[in-house]
Amino acid sequence: SKDYELYSETSEGMIYGCLMHLMVRRLAALDD
């Protein structure tokens, strides 16, 4: 169904955003 497709895309985006956020924090910690 369309709802399921939309949900899967949204969850993928959220997971990707979380990974990017963690990597940015790690890089910032290394700079310190």
C-alpha atoms as a PDB file:
ATOM      1  CA  SER A   1       0.000   0.000   0.000  1.00  0.00           C
ATOM      2  CA  LYS A   2       1.081   3.606  -0.399  1.00  0.00           C
ATOM      3  CA  ASP A   3       1.054   4.174   3.356  1.00  0.00           C
ATOM      4  CA  TYR A   4       3.574   1.371   3.904  1.00  0.00           C
ATOM      5  CA  GLU A   5       5.885   2.699   1.184  1.00  0.00           C
ATOM      6  CA  LEU A   6       5.761   6.180   2.671  1.00  0.00           C
ATOM      7  CA  TYR A   7       6.499   4.795   6.139  1.00  0.00           C
ATOM      8  CA  SER A   8       9.485   2.742   4.942  1.00  0.00           C
ATOM      9  CA  GLU A   9      10.954   5.761   3.146  1.00  0.00           C
ATOM     10  CA  THR A  10      10.482   7.942   6.224  1.00  0.00           C
ATOM     11  CA  SER A  11      12.070   5.406   8.586  1.00  0.00           C
ATOM     12  CA  GLU A  12      15.019   4.981   6.209  1.00  0.00           C
ATOM     13  CA  GLY A  13      15.524   8.743   6.171  1.00  0.00           C
ATOM     14  CA  MET A  14      15.399   8.905   9.964  1.00  0.00           C
ATOM     15  CA  ILE A  15      17.958   6.104  10.308  1.00  0.00           C
ATOM     16  CA  TYR A  16      20.235   7.798   7.754  1.00  0.00           C
ATOM     17  CA  GLY A  17      19.886  11.102   9.607  1.00  0.00           C
ATOM     18  CA  CYS A  18      20.790   9.437  12.911  1.00  0.00           C
ATOM     19  CA  LEU A  19      23.900   7.837  11.405  1.00  0.00           C
ATOM     20  CA  MET A  20      25.004  11.162   9.922  1.00  0.00           C
ATOM     21  CA  HIS A  21      24.446  12.867  13.295  1.00  0.00           C
ATOM     22  CA  LEU A  22      26.551  10.254  15.100  1.00  0.00           C
ATOM     23  CA  MET A  23      29.376  10.550  12.564  1.00  0.00           C
ATOM     24  CA  VAL A  24      29.372  14.341  12.823  1.00  0.00           C
ATOM     25  CA  ARG A  25      29.556  14.120  16.620  1.00  0.00           C
ATOM     26  CA  ARG A  26      32.476  11.666  16.392  1.00  0.00           C
ATOM     27  CA  LEU A  27      34.351  13.931  13.981  1.00  0.00           C
ATOM     28  CA  ALA A  28      33.715  16.910  16.261  1.00  0.00           C
ATOM     29  CA  ALA A  29      35.013  14.926  19.247  1.00  0.00           C
ATOM     30  CA  LEU A  30      38.173  14.027  17.317  1.00  0.00           C
ATOM     31  CA  ASP A  31      38.753  17.698  16.496  1.00  0.00           C
ATOM     32  CA  ASP A  32      38.654  18.543  20.195  1.00  0.00           C
END
